[in-house]
mmCIF file of all heavy atoms, coordinates in Angstrom:
data_MODEL
# 
_entry.id   MODEL 
# 
loop_
_atom_site.group_PDB 
_atom_site.id 
_atom_site.type_symbol 
_atom_site.label_atom_id 
_atom_site.label_alt_id 
_atom_site.label_comp_id 
_atom_site.label_asym_id 
_atom_site.label_entity_id 
_atom_site.label_seq_id 
_atom_site.pdbx_PDB_ins_code 
_atom_site.Cartn_x 
_atom_site.Cartn_y 
_atom_site.Cartn_z 
_atom_site.occupancy 
_atom_site.B_iso_or_equiv 
_atom_site.pdbx_formal_charge 
_atom_site.auth_seq_id 
_atom_site.auth_comp_id 
_atom_site.auth_asym_id 
_atom_site.auth_atom_id 
_atom_site.pdbx_PDB_model_num 
ATOM 1   N N   . LEU A 1 1  ? 0.816   -1.221 0.003   1.00 0.00 ? 1  LEU A N   1 
ATOM 2   C CA  . LEU A 1 1  ? -0.003  0.003  0.003   1.00 0.00 ? 1  LEU A CA  1 
ATOM 3   C C   . LEU A 1 1  ? 0.869   1.248  -0.017  1.00 0.00 ? 1  LEU A C   1 
ATOM 4   O O   . LEU A 1 1  ? 0.574   2.210  -0.734  1.00 0.00 ? 1  LEU A O   1 
ATOM 5   C CB  . LEU A 1 1  ? -0.943  0.007  1.218   1.00 0.00 ? 1  LEU A CB  1 
ATOM 6   C CG  . LEU A 1 1  ? -2.068  -1.051 1.175   1.00 0.00 ? 1  LEU A CG  1 
ATOM 7   C CD1 . LEU A 1 1  ? -2.733  -1.172 2.579   1.00 0.00 ? 1  LEU A CD1 1 
ATOM 8   C CD2 . LEU A 1 1  ? -3.082  -0.671 0.108   1.00 0.00 ? 1  LEU A CD2 1 
ATOM 9   N N   . VAL A 1 2  ? 1.919   1.267  0.804   1.00 0.00 ? 2  VAL A N   1 
ATOM 10  C CA  . VAL A 1 2  ? 2.795   2.386  0.842   1.00 0.00 ? 2  VAL A CA  1 
ATOM 11  C C   . VAL A 1 2  ? 3.475   2.609  -0.504  1.00 0.00 ? 2  VAL A C   1 
ATOM 12  O O   . VAL A 1 2  ? 3.570   3.758  -1.015  1.00 0.00 ? 2  VAL A O   1 
ATOM 13  C CB  . VAL A 1 2  ? 3.877   2.220  1.956   1.00 0.00 ? 2  VAL A CB  1 
ATOM 14  C CG1 . VAL A 1 2  ? 4.953   3.306  1.841   1.00 0.00 ? 2  VAL A CG1 1 
ATOM 15  C CG2 . VAL A 1 2  ? 3.195   2.300  3.339   1.00 0.00 ? 2  VAL A CG2 1 
ATOM 16  N N   . TRP A 1 3  ? 3.888   1.529  -1.123  1.00 0.00 ? 3  TRP A N   1 
ATOM 17  C CA  . TRP A 1 3  ? 4.541   1.611  -2.437  1.00 0.00 ? 3  TRP A CA  1 
ATOM 18  C C   . TRP A 1 3  ? 3.580   2.193  -3.454  1.00 0.00 ? 3  TRP A C   1 
ATOM 19  O O   . TRP A 1 3  ? 4.023   3.065  -4.276  1.00 0.00 ? 3  TRP A O   1 
ATOM 20  C CB  . TRP A 1 3  ? 5.020   0.236  -2.902  1.00 0.00 ? 3  TRP A CB  1 
ATOM 21  C CG  . TRP A 1 3  ? 5.680   0.242  -4.252  1.00 0.00 ? 3  TRP A CG  1 
ATOM 22  C CD1 . TRP A 1 3  ? 7.014   0.486  -4.524  1.00 0.00 ? 3  TRP A CD1 1 
ATOM 23  C CD2 . TRP A 1 3  ? 5.053   0.073  -5.530  1.00 0.00 ? 3  TRP A CD2 1 
ATOM 24  N NE1 . TRP A 1 3  ? 7.242   0.440  -5.853  1.00 0.00 ? 3  TRP A NE1 1 
ATOM 25  C CE2 . TRP A 1 3  ? 6.039   0.173  -6.514  1.00 0.00 ? 3  TRP A CE2 1 
ATOM 26  C CE3 . TRP A 1 3  ? 3.741   -0.185 -5.870  1.00 0.00 ? 3  TRP A CE3 1 
ATOM 27  C CZ2 . TRP A 1 3  ? 5.745   0.067  -7.889  1.00 0.00 ? 3  TRP A CZ2 1 
ATOM 28  C CZ3 . TRP A 1 3  ? 3.450   -0.329 -7.252  1.00 0.00 ? 3  TRP A CZ3 1 
ATOM 29  C CH2 . TRP A 1 3  ? 4.464   -0.222 -8.225  1.00 0.00 ? 3  TRP A CH2 1 
ATOM 30  N N   . VAL A 1 4  ? 2.378   1.745  -3.477  1.00 0.00 ? 4  VAL A N   1 
ATOM 31  C CA  . VAL A 1 4  ? 1.402   2.247  -4.483  1.00 0.00 ? 4  VAL A CA  1 
ATOM 32  C C   . VAL A 1 4  ? 1.124   3.755  -4.266  1.00 0.00 ? 4  VAL A C   1 
ATOM 33  O O   . VAL A 1 4  ? 1.139   4.527  -5.224  1.00 0.00 ? 4  VAL A O   1 
ATOM 34  C CB  . VAL A 1 4  ? 0.063   1.480  -4.396  1.00 0.00 ? 4  VAL A CB  1 
ATOM 35  C CG1 . VAL A 1 4  ? -1.005  2.145  -5.270  1.00 0.00 ? 4  VAL A CG1 1 
ATOM 36  C CG2 . VAL A 1 4  ? 0.260   0.042  -4.838  1.00 0.00 ? 4  VAL A CG2 1 
ATOM 37  N N   . VAL A 1 5  ? 0.948   4.144  -3.018  1.00 0.00 ? 5  VAL A N   1 
ATOM 38  C CA  . VAL A 1 5  ? 0.629   5.569  -2.717  1.00 0.00 ? 5  VAL A CA  1 
ATOM 39  C C   . VAL A 1 5  ? 1.791   6.450  -3.091  1.00 0.00 ? 5  VAL A C   1 
ATOM 40  O O   . VAL A 1 5  ? 1.658   7.520  -3.656  1.00 0.00 ? 5  VAL A O   1 
ATOM 41  C CB  . VAL A 1 5  ? 0.225   5.738  -1.231  1.00 0.00 ? 5  VAL A CB  1 
ATOM 42  C CG1 . VAL A 1 5  ? 0.135   7.224  -0.901  1.00 0.00 ? 5  VAL A CG1 1 
ATOM 43  C CG2 . VAL A 1 5  ? -1.103  5.024  -0.974  1.00 0.00 ? 5  VAL A CG2 1 
ATOM 44  N N   . THR A 1 6  ? 3.025   5.999  -2.776  1.00 0.00 ? 6  THR A N   1 
ATOM 45  C CA  . THR A 1 6  ? 4.200   6.835  -3.079  1.00 0.00 ? 6  THR A CA  1 
ATOM 46  C C   . THR A 1 6  ? 4.497   6.835  -4.593  1.00 0.00 ? 6  THR A C   1 
ATOM 47  O O   . THR A 1 6  ? 5.094   7.800  -5.072  1.00 0.00 ? 6  THR A O   1 
ATOM 48  C CB  . THR A 1 6  ? 5.438   6.343  -2.293  1.00 0.00 ? 6  THR A CB  1 
ATOM 49  O OG1 . THR A 1 6  ? 5.639   4.932  -2.613  1.00 0.00 ? 6  THR A OG1 1 
ATOM 50  C CG2 . THR A 1 6  ? 5.236   6.547  -0.825  1.00 0.00 ? 6  THR A CG2 1 
ATOM 51  N N   . THR A 1 7  ? 4.108   5.817  -5.302  1.00 0.00 ? 7  THR A N   1 
ATOM 52  C CA  . THR A 1 7  ? 4.383   5.671  -6.733  1.00 0.00 ? 7  THR A CA  1 
ATOM 53  C C   . THR A 1 7  ? 3.313   6.331  -7.555  1.00 0.00 ? 7  THR A C   1 
ATOM 54  O O   . THR A 1 7  ? 3.586   7.111  -8.520  1.00 0.00 ? 7  THR A O   1 
ATOM 55  C CB  . THR A 1 7  ? 4.520   4.217  -7.160  1.00 0.00 ? 7  THR A CB  1 
ATOM 56  O OG1 . THR A 1 7  ? 5.550   3.583  -6.370  1.00 0.00 ? 7  THR A OG1 1 
ATOM 57  C CG2 . THR A 1 7  ? 4.895   4.099  -8.619  1.00 0.00 ? 7  THR A CG2 1 
ATOM 58  N N   . HIS A 1 8  ? 2.022   6.124  -7.207  1.00 0.00 ? 8  HIS A N   1 
ATOM 59  C CA  . HIS A 1 8  ? 0.925   6.591  -8.019  1.00 0.00 ? 8  HIS A CA  1 
ATOM 60  C C   . HIS A 1 8  ? 0.003   7.529  -7.355  1.00 0.00 ? 8  HIS A C   1 
ATOM 61  O O   . HIS A 1 8  ? -0.819  8.155  -7.987  1.00 0.00 ? 8  HIS A O   1 
ATOM 62  C CB  . HIS A 1 8  ? 0.079   5.383  -8.527  1.00 0.00 ? 8  HIS A CB  1 
ATOM 63  C CG  . HIS A 1 8  ? 0.862   4.383  -9.337  1.00 0.00 ? 8  HIS A CG  1 
ATOM 64  N ND1 . HIS A 1 8  ? 1.323   4.692  -10.569 1.00 0.00 ? 8  HIS A ND1 1 
ATOM 65  C CD2 . HIS A 1 8  ? 1.232   3.094  -9.105  1.00 0.00 ? 8  HIS A CD2 1 
ATOM 66  C CE1 . HIS A 1 8  ? 1.980   3.614  -11.100 1.00 0.00 ? 8  HIS A CE1 1 
ATOM 67  N NE2 . HIS A 1 8  ? 1.923   2.675  -10.220 1.00 0.00 ? 8  HIS A NE2 1 
ATOM 68  N N   . GLY A 1 9  ? 0.075   7.643  -6.025  1.00 0.00 ? 9  GLY A N   1 
ATOM 69  C CA  . GLY A 1 9  ? -0.787  8.498  -5.273  1.00 0.00 ? 9  GLY A CA  1 
ATOM 70  C C   . GLY A 1 9  ? -2.128  7.802  -4.939  1.00 0.00 ? 9  GLY A C   1 
ATOM 71  O O   . GLY A 1 9  ? -2.461  6.750  -5.507  1.00 0.00 ? 9  GLY A O   1 
ATOM 72  N N   . LEU A 1 10 ? -2.874  8.379  -4.025  1.00 0.00 ? 10 LEU A N   1 
ATOM 73  C CA  . LEU A 1 10 ? -4.158  7.778  -3.620  1.00 0.00 ? 10 LEU A CA  1 
ATOM 74  C C   . LEU A 1 10 ? -5.206  7.814  -4.749  1.00 0.00 ? 10 LEU A C   1 
ATOM 75  O O   . LEU A 1 10 ? -6.121  6.984  -4.737  1.00 0.00 ? 10 LEU A O   1 
ATOM 76  C CB  . LEU A 1 10 ? -4.720  8.506  -2.417  1.00 0.00 ? 10 LEU A CB  1 
ATOM 77  C CG  . LEU A 1 10 ? -4.104  8.236  -1.053  1.00 0.00 ? 10 LEU A CG  1 
ATOM 78  C CD1 . LEU A 1 10 ? -4.580  9.195  -0.003  1.00 0.00 ? 10 LEU A CD1 1 
ATOM 79  C CD2 . LEU A 1 10 ? -4.415  6.763  -0.653  1.00 0.00 ? 10 LEU A CD2 1 
ATOM 80  N N   . ASP A 1 11 ? -5.027  8.679  -5.679  1.00 0.00 ? 11 ASP A N   1 
ATOM 81  C CA  . ASP A 1 11 ? -6.012  8.856  -6.737  1.00 0.00 ? 11 ASP A CA  1 
ATOM 82  C C   . ASP A 1 11 ? -6.152  7.566  -7.578  1.00 0.00 ? 11 ASP A C   1 
ATOM 83  O O   . ASP A 1 11 ? -7.211  7.335  -8.185  1.00 0.00 ? 11 ASP A O   1 
ATOM 84  C CB  . ASP A 1 11 ? -5.642  10.012 -7.693  1.00 0.00 ? 11 ASP A CB  1 
ATOM 85  C CG  . ASP A 1 11 ? -5.817  11.368 -7.042  1.00 0.00 ? 11 ASP A CG  1 
ATOM 86  O OD1 . ASP A 1 11 ? -6.418  11.415 -5.959  1.00 0.00 ? 11 ASP A OD1 1 
ATOM 87  O OD2 . ASP A 1 11 ? -5.288  12.354 -7.575  1.00 0.00 ? 11 ASP A OD2 1 
ATOM 88  N N   . VAL A 1 12 ? -5.134  6.738  -7.622  1.00 0.00 ? 12 VAL A N   1 
ATOM 89  C CA  . VAL A 1 12 ? -5.220  5.527  -8.449  1.00 0.00 ? 12 VAL A CA  1 
ATOM 90  C C   . VAL A 1 12 ? -6.292  4.597  -7.912  1.00 0.00 ? 12 VAL A C   1 
ATOM 91  O O   . VAL A 1 12 ? -6.986  3.951  -8.709  1.00 0.00 ? 12 VAL A O   1 
ATOM 92  C CB  . VAL A 1 12 ? -3.824  4.845  -8.466  1.00 0.00 ? 12 VAL A CB  1 
ATOM 93  C CG1 . VAL A 1 12 ? -3.526  4.161  -7.188  1.00 0.00 ? 12 VAL A CG1 1 
ATOM 94  C CG2 . VAL A 1 12 ? -3.761  3.864  -9.645  1.00 0.00 ? 12 VAL A CG2 1 
ATOM 95  N N   . PHE A 1 13 ? -6.494  4.551  -6.590  1.00 0.00 ? 13 PHE A N   1 
ATOM 96  C CA  . PHE A 1 13 ? -7.526  3.719  -6.077  1.00 0.00 ? 13 PHE A CA  1 
ATOM 97  C C   . PHE A 1 13 ? -8.954  4.328  -6.357  1.00 0.00 ? 13 PHE A C   1 
ATOM 98  O O   . PHE A 1 13 ? -9.879  3.592  -6.614  1.00 0.00 ? 13 PHE A O   1 
ATOM 99  C CB  . PHE A 1 13 ? -7.373  3.558  -4.561  1.00 0.00 ? 13 PHE A CB  1 
ATOM 100 C CG  . PHE A 1 13 ? -6.175  2.714  -4.184  1.00 0.00 ? 13 PHE A CG  1 
ATOM 101 C CD1 . PHE A 1 13 ? -5.094  3.302  -3.541  1.00 0.00 ? 13 PHE A CD1 1 
ATOM 102 C CD2 . PHE A 1 13 ? -6.091  1.397  -4.501  1.00 0.00 ? 13 PHE A CD2 1 
ATOM 103 C CE1 . PHE A 1 13 ? -3.975  2.564  -3.239  1.00 0.00 ? 13 PHE A CE1 1 
ATOM 104 C CE2 . PHE A 1 13 ? -4.966  0.635  -4.200  1.00 0.00 ? 13 PHE A CE2 1 
ATOM 105 C CZ  . PHE A 1 13 ? -3.897  1.227  -3.550  1.00 0.00 ? 13 PHE A CZ  1 
ATOM 106 N N   . VAL A 1 14 ? -9.046  5.614  -6.231  1.00 0.00 ? 14 VAL A N   1 
ATOM 107 C CA  . VAL A 1 14 ? -10.294 6.285  -6.567  1.00 0.00 ? 14 VAL A CA  1 
ATOM 108 C C   . VAL A 1 14 ? -10.635 6.052  -8.026  1.00 0.00 ? 14 VAL A C   1 
ATOM 109 O O   . VAL A 1 14 ? -11.807 5.835  -8.375  1.00 0.00 ? 14 VAL A O   1 
ATOM 110 C CB  . VAL A 1 14 ? -10.203 7.792  -6.236  1.00 0.00 ? 14 VAL A CB  1 
ATOM 111 C CG1 . VAL A 1 14 ? -11.507 8.532  -6.693  1.00 0.00 ? 14 VAL A CG1 1 
ATOM 112 C CG2 . VAL A 1 14 ? -9.914  8.007  -4.788  1.00 0.00 ? 14 VAL A CG2 1 
ATOM 113 N N   . ALA A 1 15 ? -9.643  6.140  -8.881  1.00 0.00 ? 15 ALA A N   1 
ATOM 114 C CA  . ALA A 1 15 ? -9.849  5.934  -10.298 1.00 0.00 ? 15 ALA A CA  1 
ATOM 115 C C   . ALA A 1 15 ? -10.415 4.570  -10.620 1.00 0.00 ? 15 ALA A C   1 
ATOM 116 O O   . ALA A 1 15 ? -11.398 4.380  -11.328 1.00 0.00 ? 15 ALA A O   1 
ATOM 117 C CB  . ALA A 1 15 ? -8.543  6.143  -11.061 1.00 0.00 ? 15 ALA A CB  1 
ATOM 118 N N   . ALA A 1 16 ? -9.819  3.538  -9.991  1.00 0.00 ? 16 ALA A N   1 
ATOM 119 C CA  . ALA A 1 16 ? -10.268 2.142  -10.294 1.00 0.00 ? 16 ALA A CA  1 
ATOM 120 C C   . ALA A 1 16 ? -11.653 1.894  -9.691  1.00 0.00 ? 16 ALA A C   1 
ATOM 121 O O   . ALA A 1 16 ? -12.399 1.082  -10.205 1.00 0.00 ? 16 ALA A O   1 
ATOM 122 C CB  . ALA A 1 16 ? -9.248  1.168  -9.701  1.00 0.00 ? 16 ALA A CB  1 
ATOM 123 N N   . GLY A 1 17 ? -11.965 2.592  -8.594  1.00 0.00 ? 17 GLY A N   1 
ATOM 124 C CA  . GLY A 1 17 ? -13.256 2.342  -7.898  1.00 0.00 ? 17 GLY A CA  1 
ATOM 125 C C   . GLY A 1 17 ? -14.449 2.743  -8.747  1.00 0.00 ? 17 GLY A C   1 
ATOM 126 O O   . GLY A 1 17 ? -15.535 2.277  -8.534  1.00 0.00 ? 17 GLY A O   1 
ATOM 127 N N   . GLY A 1 18 ? -14.203 3.582  -9.755  1.00 0.00 ? 18 GLY A N   1 
ATOM 128 C CA  . GLY A 1 18 ? -15.353 3.995  -10.612 1.00 0.00 ? 18 GLY A CA  1 
ATOM 129 C C   . GLY A 1 18 ? -15.569 3.124  -11.837 1.00 0.00 ? 18 GLY A C   1 
ATOM 130 O O   . GLY A 1 18 ? -16.404 3.427  -12.690 1.00 0.00 ? 18 GLY A O   1 
ATOM 131 N N   . THR A 1 19 ? -14.867 1.985  -11.896 1.00 0.00 ? 19 THR A N   1 
ATOM 132 C CA  . THR A 1 19 ? -14.981 1.087  -13.022 1.00 0.00 ? 19 THR A CA  1 
ATOM 133 C C   . THR A 1 19 ? -15.510 -0.257 -12.591 1.00 0.00 ? 19 THR A C   1 
ATOM 134 O O   . THR A 1 19 ? -15.719 -0.537 -11.429 1.00 0.00 ? 19 THR A O   1 
ATOM 135 C CB  . THR A 1 19 ? -13.618 0.877  -13.744 1.00 0.00 ? 19 THR A CB  1 
ATOM 136 O OG1 . THR A 1 19 ? -12.738 0.241  -12.804 1.00 0.00 ? 19 THR A OG1 1 
ATOM 137 C CG2 . THR A 1 19 ? -13.014 2.208  -14.102 1.00 0.00 ? 19 THR A CG2 1 
ATOM 138 N N   . HIS A 1 20 ? -15.804 -1.148 -13.557 1.00 0.00 ? 20 HIS A N   1 
ATOM 139 C CA  . HIS A 1 20 ? -16.263 -2.494 -13.322 1.00 0.00 ? 20 HIS A CA  1 
ATOM 140 C C   . HIS A 1 20 ? -17.565 -2.497 -12.442 1.00 0.00 ? 20 HIS A C   1 
ATOM 141 O O   . HIS A 1 20 ? -17.743 -3.409 -11.603 1.00 0.00 ? 20 HIS A O   1 
ATOM 142 C CB  . HIS A 1 20 ? -15.202 -3.326 -12.624 1.00 0.00 ? 20 HIS A CB  1 
ATOM 143 C CG  . HIS A 1 20 ? -13.972 -3.546 -13.423 1.00 0.00 ? 20 HIS A CG  1 
ATOM 144 N ND1 . HIS A 1 20 ? -13.014 -2.569 -13.566 1.00 0.00 ? 20 HIS A ND1 1 
ATOM 145 C CD2 . HIS A 1 20 ? -13.598 -4.593 -14.173 1.00 0.00 ? 20 HIS A CD2 1 
ATOM 146 C CE1 . HIS A 1 20 ? -12.025 -3.054 -14.357 1.00 0.00 ? 20 HIS A CE1 1 
ATOM 147 N NE2 . HIS A 1 20 ? -12.398 -4.305 -14.748 1.00 0.00 ? 20 HIS A NE2 1 
ATOM 148 N N   . GLY A 1 21 ? -18.407 -1.536 -12.669 1.00 0.00 ? 21 GLY A N   1 
ATOM 149 C CA  . GLY A 1 21 ? -19.623 -1.494 -11.870 1.00 0.00 ? 21 GLY A CA  1 
ATOM 150 C C   . GLY A 1 21 ? -19.574 -0.657 -10.618 1.00 0.00 ? 21 GLY A C   1 
ATOM 151 O O   . GLY A 1 21 ? -20.468 -0.076 -10.169 1.00 0.00 ? 21 GLY A O   1 
ATOM 152 N N   . GLY A 1 22 ? -18.338 -0.640 -9.991  1.00 0.00 ? 22 GLY A N   1 
ATOM 153 C CA  . GLY A 1 22 ? -18.128 0.148  -8.811  1.00 0.00 ? 22 GLY A CA  1 
ATOM 154 C C   . GLY A 1 22 ? -18.847 -0.363 -7.617  1.00 0.00 ? 22 GLY A C   1 
ATOM 155 O O   . GLY A 1 22 ? -19.663 -1.272 -7.687  1.00 0.00 ? 22 GLY A O   1 
ATOM 156 N N   . VAL A 1 23 ? -18.540 0.204  -6.468  1.00 0.00 ? 23 VAL A N   1 
ATOM 157 C CA  . VAL A 1 23 ? -19.230 -0.141 -5.215  1.00 0.00 ? 23 VAL A CA  1 
ATOM 158 C C   . VAL A 1 23 ? -20.677 0.324  -5.350  1.00 0.00 ? 23 VAL A C   1 
ATOM 159 O O   . VAL A 1 23 ? -20.968 1.444  -5.763  1.00 0.00 ? 23 VAL A O   1 
ATOM 160 C CB  . VAL A 1 23 ? -18.572 0.532  -4.037  1.00 0.00 ? 23 VAL A CB  1 
ATOM 161 C CG1 . VAL A 1 23 ? -19.371 0.241  -2.750  1.00 0.00 ? 23 VAL A CG1 1 
ATOM 162 C CG2 . VAL A 1 23 ? -17.114 0.001  -3.872  1.00 0.00 ? 23 VAL A CG2 1 
ATOM 163 N N   . GLY A 1 24 ? -21.614 -0.543 -4.988  1.00 0.00 ? 24 GLY A N   1 
ATOM 164 C CA  . GLY A 1 24 ? -23.023 -0.227 -5.164  1.00 0.00 ? 24 GLY A CA  1 
ATOM 165 C C   . GLY A 1 24 ? -23.554 -0.692 -6.521  1.00 0.00 ? 24 GLY A C   1 
ATOM 166 O O   . GLY A 1 24 ? -24.741 -0.475 -6.832  1.00 0.00 ? 24 GLY A O   1 
ATOM 167 N N   . GLY A 1 25 ? -22.725 -1.346 -7.307  1.00 0.00 ? 25 GLY A N   1 
ATOM 168 C CA  . GLY A 1 25 ? -23.161 -1.782 -8.659  1.00 0.00 ? 25 GLY A CA  1 
ATOM 169 C C   . GLY A 1 25 ? -24.218 -2.837 -8.658  1.00 0.00 ? 25 GLY A C   1 
ATOM 170 O O   . GLY A 1 25 ? -24.865 -3.049 -9.671  1.00 0.00 ? 25 GLY A O   1 
ATOM 171 N N   . GLY A 1 26 ? -24.471 -3.505 -7.491  1.00 0.00 ? 26 GLY A N   1 
ATOM 172 C CA  . GLY A 1 26 ? -25.514 -4.473 -7.458  1.00 0.00 ? 26 GLY A CA  1 
ATOM 173 C C   . GLY A 1 26 ? -26.899 -3.920 -7.622  1.00 0.00 ? 26 GLY A C   1 
ATOM 174 O O   . GLY A 1 26 ? -27.824 -4.607 -8.052  1.00 0.00 ? 26 GLY A O   1 
ATOM 175 N N   . VAL A 1 27 ? -27.085 -2.627 -7.304  1.00 0.00 ? 27 VAL A N   1 
ATOM 176 C CA  . VAL A 1 27 ? -28.411 -2.014 -7.464  1.00 0.00 ? 27 VAL A CA  1 
ATOM 177 C C   . VAL A 1 27 ? -28.814 -2.072 -8.915  1.00 0.00 ? 27 VAL A C   1 
ATOM 178 O O   . VAL A 1 27 ? -29.981 -2.398 -9.255  1.00 0.00 ? 27 VAL A O   1 
ATOM 179 C CB  . VAL A 1 27 ? -28.354 -0.554 -6.981  1.00 0.00 ? 27 VAL A CB  1 
ATOM 180 C CG1 . VAL A 1 27 ? -29.689 0.108  -7.228  1.00 0.00 ? 27 VAL A CG1 1 
ATOM 181 C CG2 . VAL A 1 27 ? -28.010 -0.519 -5.469  1.00 0.00 ? 27 VAL A CG2 1 
ATOM 182 N N   . ALA A 1 28 ? -27.875 -1.778 -9.834  1.00 0.00 ? 28 ALA A N   1 
ATOM 183 C CA  . ALA A 1 28 ? -28.180 -1.812 -11.256 1.00 0.00 ? 28 ALA A CA  1 
ATOM 184 C C   . ALA A 1 28 ? -28.583 -3.229 -11.696 1.00 0.00 ? 28 ALA A C   1 
ATOM 185 O O   . ALA A 1 28 ? -29.472 -3.414 -12.529 1.00 0.00 ? 28 ALA A O   1 
ATOM 186 C CB  . ALA A 1 28 ? -26.998 -1.384 -12.079 1.00 0.00 ? 28 ALA A CB  1 
ATOM 187 N N   . THR A 1 29 ? -27.950 -4.256 -11.104 1.00 0.00 ? 29 THR A N   1 
ATOM 188 C CA  . THR A 1 29 ? -28.314 -5.629 -11.398 1.00 0.00 ? 29 THR A CA  1 
ATOM 189 C C   . THR A 1 29 ? -29.751 -5.933 -11.060 1.00 0.00 ? 29 THR A C   1 
ATOM 190 O O   . THR A 1 29 ? -30.489 -6.588 -11.781 1.00 0.00 ? 29 THR A O   1 
ATOM 191 C CB  . THR A 1 29 ? -27.339 -6.609 -10.652 1.00 0.00 ? 29 THR A CB  1 
ATOM 192 O OG1 . THR A 1 29 ? -26.008 -6.270 -11.019 1.00 0.00 ? 29 THR A OG1 1 
ATOM 193 C CG2 . THR A 1 29 ? -27.659 -8.053 -11.062 1.00 0.00 ? 29 THR A CG2 1 
# 
């Protein structure tokens, strides 16, 4: 986790969270 944050920043996790249906994607299902 430290390596990812220092290499790419926290934004990389936010970026991925908006794809593949995202959290809460079951509602659409």
